[in-house]
Protein backbone atom coordinates (compact mmCIF):
# COMPACT_ATOMS: atom_id res chain seq x y z
CA MET A 1 0.00 0.00 0.00
CA LYS A 2 1.26 3.49 -0.83
CA ILE A 3 1.25 5.58 2.35
CA LEU A 4 1.98 9.29 2.72
CA TYR A 5 3.24 10.32 6.17
CA HIS A 6 2.64 14.03 6.74
CA HIS A 7 3.81 16.16 9.67
CA ARG A 8 4.38 19.82 10.50
CA THR A 9 7.12 19.39 13.11
CA ARG A 10 10.80 20.23 12.85
CA GLY A 11 11.44 16.47 13.01
CA ARG A 12 14.05 16.84 15.73
CA HIS A 13 14.51 15.18 19.09
CA VAL A 14 11.65 12.99 20.32
CA GLU A 15 9.30 13.68 17.42
CA GLY A 16 12.02 12.66 14.97
CA VAL A 17 12.54 9.36 16.81
CA HIS A 18 8.80 8.69 16.68
CA ILE A 19 8.49 9.55 12.98
CA ARG A 20 11.45 7.38 12.02
CA GLY A 21 10.13 4.50 14.12
CA ILE A 22 6.67 4.46 12.52
CA VAL A 23 7.91 5.03 8.98
CA GLN A 24 10.51 2.28 9.17
CA ALA A 25 8.05 -0.15 10.76
CA LEU A 26 5.50 0.45 7.98
CA ARG A 27 8.20 -0.12 5.39
CA GLU A 28 9.26 -3.36 7.09
CA LEU A 29 5.64 -4.48 6.83
CA GLY A 30 5.94 -4.11 3.05
CA HIS A 31 4.35 -0.70 2.49
CA ASP A 32 5.64 2.08 0.23
CA VAL A 33 5.97 5.09 2.57
CA SER A 34 6.91 8.62 1.56
CA VAL A 35 7.32 11.45 4.06
CA MET A 36 6.11 15.01 3.51
CA SER A 37 7.83 17.22 6.07
CA PHE A 38 7.76 20.85 7.09
CA PRO A 39 9.92 22.68 4.51
CA GLY A 40 13.54 22.37 5.59
CA ALA A 41 12.91 19.52 8.04
CA ASP A 42 14.13 15.98 7.48
CA PRO A 43 13.20 13.61 10.34
CA GLU A 44 14.71 10.63 8.50
CA ARG A 45 18.11 12.27 8.91
CA GLU A 46 19.20 11.52 12.48
CA VAL A 47 22.22 13.82 12.61
CA GLU A 48 21.29 17.47 12.79
CA ASP A 49 23.11 19.93 10.57
CA ALA A 50 25.50 22.14 12.51
CA SER A 51 24.31 25.17 10.52
CA PRO A 52 20.65 25.00 9.46
CA GLY A 53 19.74 26.27 6.02
CA LYS A 54 17.64 29.30 5.19
CA ARG A 55 14.36 27.43 5.67
CA GLY A 56 15.54 26.09 9.03
CA ARG A 57 16.45 29.60 10.20
CA ILE A 58 13.06 30.91 9.08
CA ALA A 59 11.29 28.09 10.94
CA THR A 60 13.26 28.88 14.10
CA LEU A 61 12.36 32.57 13.80
CA VAL A 62 8.64 31.76 13.36
CA THR A 63 8.59 29.65 16.56
CA ARG A 64 9.80 32.69 18.51
CA LEU A 65 6.93 34.93 17.43
CA PRO A 66 4.32 36.14 19.95
CA GLY A 67 1.48 33.67 20.55
CA VAL A 68 -1.28 35.11 18.37
CA VAL A 69 1.13 35.82 15.49
CA PHE A 70 2.58 32.32 15.66
CA GLU A 71 -0.93 30.84 15.63
CA MET A 72 -1.85 32.90 12.59
CA PHE A 73 1.16 31.38 10.82
CA GLU A 74 -0.09 27.95 11.84
CA LEU A 75 -3.46 28.74 10.26
CA LEU A 76 -1.82 30.06 7.10
CA TYR A 77 0.14 26.83 6.81
CA ASN A 78 -3.10 25.22 5.65
CA VAL A 79 -2.62 27.07 2.34
CA VAL A 80 0.90 25.67 2.03
CA THR A 81 -0.38 22.19 2.86
CA TRP A 82 -3.21 22.42 0.34
CA PHE A 83 -0.87 23.25 -2.55
CA ARG A 84 1.81 20.73 -1.54
CA MET A 85 -0.71 17.91 -1.07
CA ALA A 86 -2.59 18.67 -4.28
CA ARG A 87 0.66 18.64 -6.26
CA ALA A 88 1.91 15.41 -4.64
CA TRP A 89 -1.41 13.61 -5.16
CA ARG A 90 -1.52 14.50 -8.86
CA LYS A 91 1.81 12.70 -9.31
CA ALA A 92 1.17 9.65 -7.10
CA PRO A 93 -2.11 9.42 -5.16
CA PRO A 94 -1.62 7.61 -1.83
CA ALA A 95 -3.89 4.82 -0.61
CA LEU A 96 -3.54 6.11 2.97
CA ILE A 97 -2.46 9.33 4.63
CA TYR A 98 -0.96 9.12 8.11
CA GLU A 99 -0.65 12.53 9.71
CA ARG A 100 0.95 13.62 12.95
CA TYR A 101 -1.72 16.00 14.22
CA SER A 102 -0.86 19.68 14.61
CA LEU A 103 -3.03 22.44 16.02
CA PHE A 104 -4.95 24.53 13.45
CA LEU A 105 -4.08 22.09 10.62
CA PHE A 106 -7.20 20.94 8.77
CA ALA A 107 -6.35 21.14 5.05
CA THR A 108 -5.19 17.52 4.77
CA ILE A 109 -8.43 16.13 6.17
CA TRP A 110 -10.52 18.40 3.98
CA LEU A 111 -8.63 17.29 0.86
CA ALA A 112 -8.63 13.61 1.85
CA ARG A 113 -12.39 13.60 2.37
CA ARG A 114 -12.97 15.25 -1.02
CA ARG A 115 -10.85 12.61 -2.75
CA GLY A 116 -12.02 9.63 -0.73
CA ILE A 117 -8.57 8.84 0.69
CA PRO A 118 -8.46 7.32 4.21
CA LEU A 119 -6.61 9.51 6.72
CA VAL A 120 -5.42 8.42 10.16
CA LEU A 121 -4.39 11.10 12.66
CA GLU A 122 -1.79 10.46 15.34
CA ILE A 123 -2.66 12.62 18.37
CA ASN A 124 0.37 13.81 20.35
CA ASP A 125 -0.86 17.33 21.05
CA SER A 126 -4.21 18.96 21.74
CA ALA A 127 -5.92 22.24 22.50
CA LEU A 128 -7.44 20.46 25.51
CA VAL A 129 -4.26 20.00 27.56
CA ASP A 130 -1.70 22.25 29.21
CA ARG A 131 1.08 22.83 26.71
CA VAL A 132 4.64 24.13 26.86
CA ARG A 133 3.55 26.93 24.51
CA PRO A 134 0.19 28.25 25.79
CA LEU A 135 -2.60 28.83 23.28
CA THR A 136 -3.91 32.31 22.58
CA MET A 137 -6.75 31.41 20.18
CA LYS A 138 -7.86 28.45 22.27
CA GLY A 139 -11.53 28.56 21.25
CA LEU A 140 -10.74 28.47 17.53
CA ALA A 141 -8.14 25.75 18.05
CA ARG A 142 -10.69 23.57 19.81
CA ARG A 143 -13.34 24.06 17.13
CA ILE A 144 -10.90 23.06 14.40
CA GLU A 145 -9.62 20.16 16.47
CA GLY A 146 -13.10 18.81 17.11
CA TRP A 147 -13.88 19.02 13.40
CA CYS A 148 -10.70 17.10 12.56
CA LEU A 149 -11.16 14.38 15.19
CA ARG A 150 -14.74 13.74 14.06
CA ARG A 151 -13.89 13.59 10.33
CA ALA A 152 -10.66 11.60 10.23
CA THR A 153 -10.88 7.94 9.23
CA GLY A 154 -9.17 6.89 12.44
CA LEU A 155 -7.25 8.27 15.41
CA VAL A 156 -4.15 7.04 17.24
CA PHE A 157 -3.86 8.37 20.81
CA ILE A 158 -0.70 8.05 22.88
CA SER A 159 -2.68 7.30 26.06
CA THR A 160 -6.14 6.31 27.23
CA TYR A 161 -6.28 9.50 29.31
CA PHE A 162 -5.76 11.56 26.14
CA ARG A 163 -8.54 9.69 24.33
CA ASP A 164 -10.95 10.07 27.25
CA VAL A 165 -10.34 13.83 27.37
CA ALA A 166 -11.00 14.12 23.63
CA ARG A 167 -14.19 12.06 23.81
CA GLY A 168 -15.45 14.15 26.71
CA ALA A 169 -14.87 17.39 24.82
CA TYR A 170 -15.80 16.42 21.25
CA GLY A 171 -18.29 13.60 21.58
CA ALA A 172 -18.47 11.09 18.73
CA ILE A 173 -14.90 11.19 17.45
CA ALA A 174 -13.57 8.83 14.77
CA PRO A 175 -12.69 5.19 15.61
CA SER A 176 -9.49 5.10 17.63
CA VAL A 177 -6.74 3.02 19.20
CA VAL A 178 -4.39 3.76 22.09
CA SER A 179 -0.78 3.33 21.06
CA PRO A 180 1.90 4.51 23.52
CA ASN A 181 5.43 5.14 22.35
CA ALA A 182 7.75 2.30 21.44
CA VAL A 183 11.42 1.51 20.84
CA ASP A 184 13.78 0.19 18.20
CA LEU A 185 14.79 -2.91 20.16
CA PRO A 186 17.83 -3.93 18.05
CA ARG A 187 19.33 -0.50 18.73
CA PHE A 188 18.43 -0.60 22.41
CA ASP A 189 20.01 -3.98 23.08
CA PRO A 190 22.23 -4.25 26.19
CA SER A 191 24.26 -7.09 24.64
CA ARG A 192 25.74 -4.59 22.16
CA PHE A 193 27.80 -2.86 24.86
CA ASP A 194 30.92 -3.54 26.93
CA VAL A 195 29.42 -2.18 30.12
CA ALA A 196 32.60 -2.48 32.19
CA ALA A 197 34.56 -0.46 29.65
CA LEU A 198 31.85 2.18 29.35
CA ARG A 199 31.61 2.58 33.12
CA ALA A 200 35.37 2.85 33.44
CA SER A 201 35.53 5.56 30.77
CA ARG A 202 32.85 7.55 32.58
CA GLY A 203 34.14 7.17 36.13
CA LEU A 204 31.35 4.82 37.23
CA THR A 205 33.29 1.64 38.04
CA GLY A 206 32.10 0.04 41.27
CA ARG A 207 29.06 2.29 41.56
CA VAL A 208 25.35 1.53 41.63
CA VAL A 209 24.05 3.87 38.94
CA CYS A 210 20.59 5.45 38.77
CA GLY A 211 20.05 7.57 35.70
CA HIS A 212 17.73 9.83 33.77
CA ILE A 213 17.76 11.04 30.16
CA GLY A 214 15.68 13.98 28.99
CA ALA A 215 15.22 17.71 28.98
CA PHE A 216 16.06 19.76 32.06
CA ALA A 217 12.70 21.50 32.30
CA HIS A 218 10.61 22.21 35.41
CA TRP A 219 7.82 19.86 34.34
CA HIS A 220 10.30 16.94 34.20
CA GLY A 221 11.20 17.51 37.84
CA VAL A 222 14.94 16.79 37.63
CA ASP A 223 15.91 19.94 39.54
CA GLY A 224 13.47 19.17 42.35
CA PHE A 225 14.59 15.55 42.53
CA VAL A 226 18.30 16.43 42.76
CA GLU A 227 17.57 18.98 45.47
CA ALA A 228 15.48 16.44 47.41
CA ILE A 229 18.06 13.63 47.23
CA ALA A 230 21.25 15.70 47.62
CA GLY A 231 21.17 15.70 51.41
CA GLN A 232 20.56 11.95 51.62
CA LEU A 233 23.24 10.59 49.31
CA ASP A 234 25.68 10.06 52.19
CA ALA A 235 23.36 7.31 53.49
CA VAL A 236 24.02 5.27 50.32
CA PRO A 237 27.68 5.90 49.45
CA GLU A 238 27.73 3.39 46.58
CA LEU A 239 25.00 5.26 44.64
CA ALA A 240 25.87 7.53 41.71
CA LEU A 241 23.38 9.57 39.68
CA VAL A 242 23.69 10.22 35.94
CA PHE A 243 21.43 12.83 34.35
CA VAL A 244 21.86 13.14 30.58
CA GLY A 245 20.35 16.14 28.79
CA ASP A 246 20.19 19.91 28.88
CA GLY A 247 17.64 22.66 29.28
CA LYS A 248 16.64 25.68 31.32
CA THR A 249 17.11 24.11 34.77
CA LEU A 250 20.52 22.53 34.06
CA PRO A 251 22.55 25.56 35.27
CA ALA A 252 20.65 25.53 38.58
CA VAL A 253 21.30 21.79 38.99
CA ARG A 254 25.00 22.26 38.23
CA ALA A 255 25.19 25.05 40.81
CA LEU A 256 23.45 22.92 43.44
CA ILE A 257 25.83 20.01 42.86
CA ALA A 258 28.85 22.32 43.10
CA ASP A 259 27.56 23.95 46.29
CA ARG A 260 26.98 20.55 47.93
CA GLY A 261 30.30 19.11 46.79
CA LEU A 262 28.59 16.27 44.89
CA ALA A 263 30.51 16.36 41.61
CA ASP A 264 31.80 12.83 42.28
CA ARG A 265 28.28 11.52 42.93
CA VAL A 266 26.19 13.24 40.24
CA LEU A 267 27.33 13.13 36.60
CA LEU A 268 25.91 15.68 34.15
CA PRO A 269 27.24 14.93 30.65
CA GLY A 270 24.80 17.29 28.94
CA ARG A 271 22.82 16.49 25.83
CA VAL A 272 24.06 13.63 23.65
CA PRO A 273 23.06 12.54 20.11
CA HIS A 274 20.28 9.98 20.01
CA ASP A 275 22.61 7.29 18.69
CA GLU A 276 24.62 7.60 21.93
CA VAL A 277 21.64 7.35 24.28
CA ALA A 278 21.70 3.55 24.49
CA SER A 279 25.37 3.56 25.57
CA TRP A 280 24.51 5.80 28.52
CA ILE A 281 21.55 3.64 29.51
CA ALA A 282 23.88 0.62 29.38
CA CYS A 283 25.82 2.17 32.30
CA MET A 284 22.70 2.33 34.48
CA ASP A 285 21.41 -0.23 36.98
CA TYR A 286 18.01 1.46 37.12
CA ALA A 287 16.46 4.78 36.15
CA VAL A 288 14.24 7.51 37.53
CA LEU A 289 11.55 9.63 35.92
CA PRO A 290 10.94 12.33 38.55
CA ASN A 291 7.84 13.75 36.87
CA SER A 292 5.70 13.60 33.72
CA ASN A 293 2.16 14.79 32.95
CA HIS A 294 -1.39 13.46 32.87
CA TYR A 295 -1.51 12.65 29.16
CA GLY A 296 2.01 12.04 27.79
CA SER A 297 3.88 8.87 26.89
CA PRO A 298 7.56 9.55 27.72
CA MET A 299 9.83 8.17 24.99
CA LYS A 300 12.75 7.54 27.34
CA LEU A 301 10.59 5.27 29.48
CA PHE A 302 10.47 2.78 26.60
CA GLU A 303 14.15 3.13 25.78
CA PHE A 304 15.13 2.41 29.39
CA MET A 305 12.86 -0.62 29.54
CA GLY A 306 14.08 -1.89 26.17
CA MET A 307 17.61 -1.91 27.59
CA GLY A 308 16.46 -3.95 30.59
CA VAL A 309 16.71 -0.92 32.89
CA ALA A 310 13.61 -0.62 35.05
CA VAL A 311 12.32 2.83 36.01
CA VAL A 312 11.08 4.53 39.18
CA ALA A 313 8.25 6.64 37.77
CA PRO A 314 5.22 8.74 38.81
CA ASP A 315 1.86 6.97 38.73
CA TYR A 316 0.20 9.12 36.05
CA ALA A 317 -2.29 7.04 34.07
CA PRO A 318 -0.24 6.88 30.82
CA VAL A 319 2.83 5.72 32.76
CA ALA A 320 0.81 3.16 34.70
CA GLU A 321 -0.45 1.81 31.36
CA VAL A 322 3.14 0.79 30.64
CA ILE A 323 4.63 0.04 34.07
CA ALA A 324 3.19 -2.66 36.31
CA ASP A 325 4.34 -1.66 39.80
CA GLY A 326 6.85 -4.13 41.17
CA ARG A 327 6.85 -6.17 37.94
CA THR A 328 8.12 -4.01 35.08
CA GLY A 329 9.05 -0.92 37.11
CA TRP A 330 8.19 0.93 40.29
CA LEU A 331 5.53 3.61 40.72
CA PHE A 332 5.30 6.40 43.29
CA PRO A 333 2.47 8.92 43.85
CA HIS A 334 2.99 11.70 41.32
CA GLY A 335 4.04 14.97 42.89
CA ASP A 336 5.55 13.19 45.92
CA ALA A 337 9.28 13.89 45.61
CA ALA A 338 10.00 12.32 49.00
CA ALA A 339 8.44 9.01 47.91
CA CYS A 340 10.47 9.08 44.70
CA VAL A 341 13.71 9.66 46.59
CA GLU A 342 12.88 6.98 49.15
CA ARG A 343 12.32 4.37 46.42
CA VAL A 344 15.51 5.31 44.57
CA LEU A 345 17.61 5.05 47.74
CA ALA A 346 16.06 1.73 48.76
CA LEU A 347 16.63 0.11 45.37
CA ALA A 348 20.31 1.01 45.42
CA ARG A 349 20.85 -1.93 47.81
CA HIS A 350 18.63 -4.50 46.10
CA ALA A 351 20.51 -5.78 43.06
CA ASP A 352 18.32 -8.87 42.66
CA GLU A 353 15.17 -6.73 42.56
CA ARG A 354 16.66 -4.39 39.98
CA GLN A 355 17.69 -7.32 37.79
CA ARG A 356 14.37 -9.14 38.07
CA VAL A 357 12.25 -6.11 37.24
CA GLY A 358 14.64 -4.93 34.52
CA ASP A 359 14.46 -8.30 32.76
CA ALA A 360 10.65 -8.24 32.92
CA ALA A 361 10.61 -4.70 31.52
CA ARG A 362 12.62 -5.76 28.47
CA ASP A 363 10.40 -8.81 27.94
CA TYR A 364 7.33 -6.54 27.97
CA ILE A 365 8.85 -4.17 25.41
CA ALA A 366 9.89 -7.06 23.18
CA SER A 367 6.39 -8.53 23.12
CA GLU A 368 4.22 -5.39 23.01
CA ARG A 369 6.02 -2.11 22.50
CA GLN A 370 8.21 -2.24 19.42
CA TRP A 371 7.46 0.14 16.55
CA ARG A 372 6.12 -2.77 14.54
CA ASN A 373 3.37 -3.18 17.15
CA ASN A 374 2.37 0.46 16.68
CA ALA A 375 2.38 0.18 12.88
CA GLU A 376 0.22 -2.94 12.94
CA GLN A 377 -2.19 -1.25 15.34
CA LEU A 378 -2.68 1.90 13.25
CA LEU A 379 -3.36 -0.20 10.14
CA THR A 380 -6.39 -1.75 11.87
CA LEU A 381 -8.09 1.64 11.42
CA VAL A 382 -7.81 1.50 7.64
CA PRO A 383 -10.92 0.23 5.79
CA ALA A 384 -10.49 -3.06 3.96
CA GLY A 385 -9.51 -2.62 0.33
CA ALA A 386 -7.78 0.74 0.87
């Protein structure tokens, strides 16, 4: 089947991983998949250019515009989409369109309905949830979103919570499935790595390592977690923490570690390319996700579990859909930093527990949460004969 994957993202970071995962899985299932990206974006290229081209610079400038101006550009992008889609479909009409949903984007659905082409929307964002970039034209965004969710052929939600919120707001939406994130298991395979050599090169020999990979942003809770655990690390001298990533709160975390004299206990390597992430996870005995949100499906959760590294995580519904407490990970009441710290400290002295749960986490990922599983699930929304 000829499939057109359409998205309006920059194709970097987590969204790029997700796009590559779905596209490659569909191709491995025998489908002919082409990707239509935001001009200047190329999510199938994993290595980012050191100096973005003119289109990339323009895209970066647009994202920095004031809210209402930025949203007007999002609306105007429907015109761009209409012309690009119409031109592409004249050359090679797809049998299915798979679109990563973006706010204010409705042109693809309108065109697909006119031409009788099935369209499945993947819902990773919504006007109904709290977002990093707040909405100015929220009412208009919700009206367009409701129209899209009712008229698509099918919908893929990243969590049950997300789907329930959409159903409550928009009523009879299109048929849907819940498909959390996934992982490329051959890439995230612990047997690929010489763990002893990696630990030695990073100063972690002889340590019990608890790690985290992700953005240093307030909603991820890394700064609060480090502050909460800093005064208790002396009680578990064998424990080392590794936090990979960067962001707004990283300078504050670095300052805290320096003030407390914890540079030998807390390693902050900064952001690393995605193809190096697995090597850092390989150094970890277990991981921690200090915070998340009510609707999201954290990508790193799946990458940790795929590597056989179980995670201490908050009990938000989407996380609890993936982690069975005490079997494939450990849950703590979300927002309770003390409970998170207590669990991390306790597990530092239970190697058998970490190994047992880590092995079960990898088994779960292998059986249910590879990108192929997601691709097969989304195809169930496509009418027979498409």
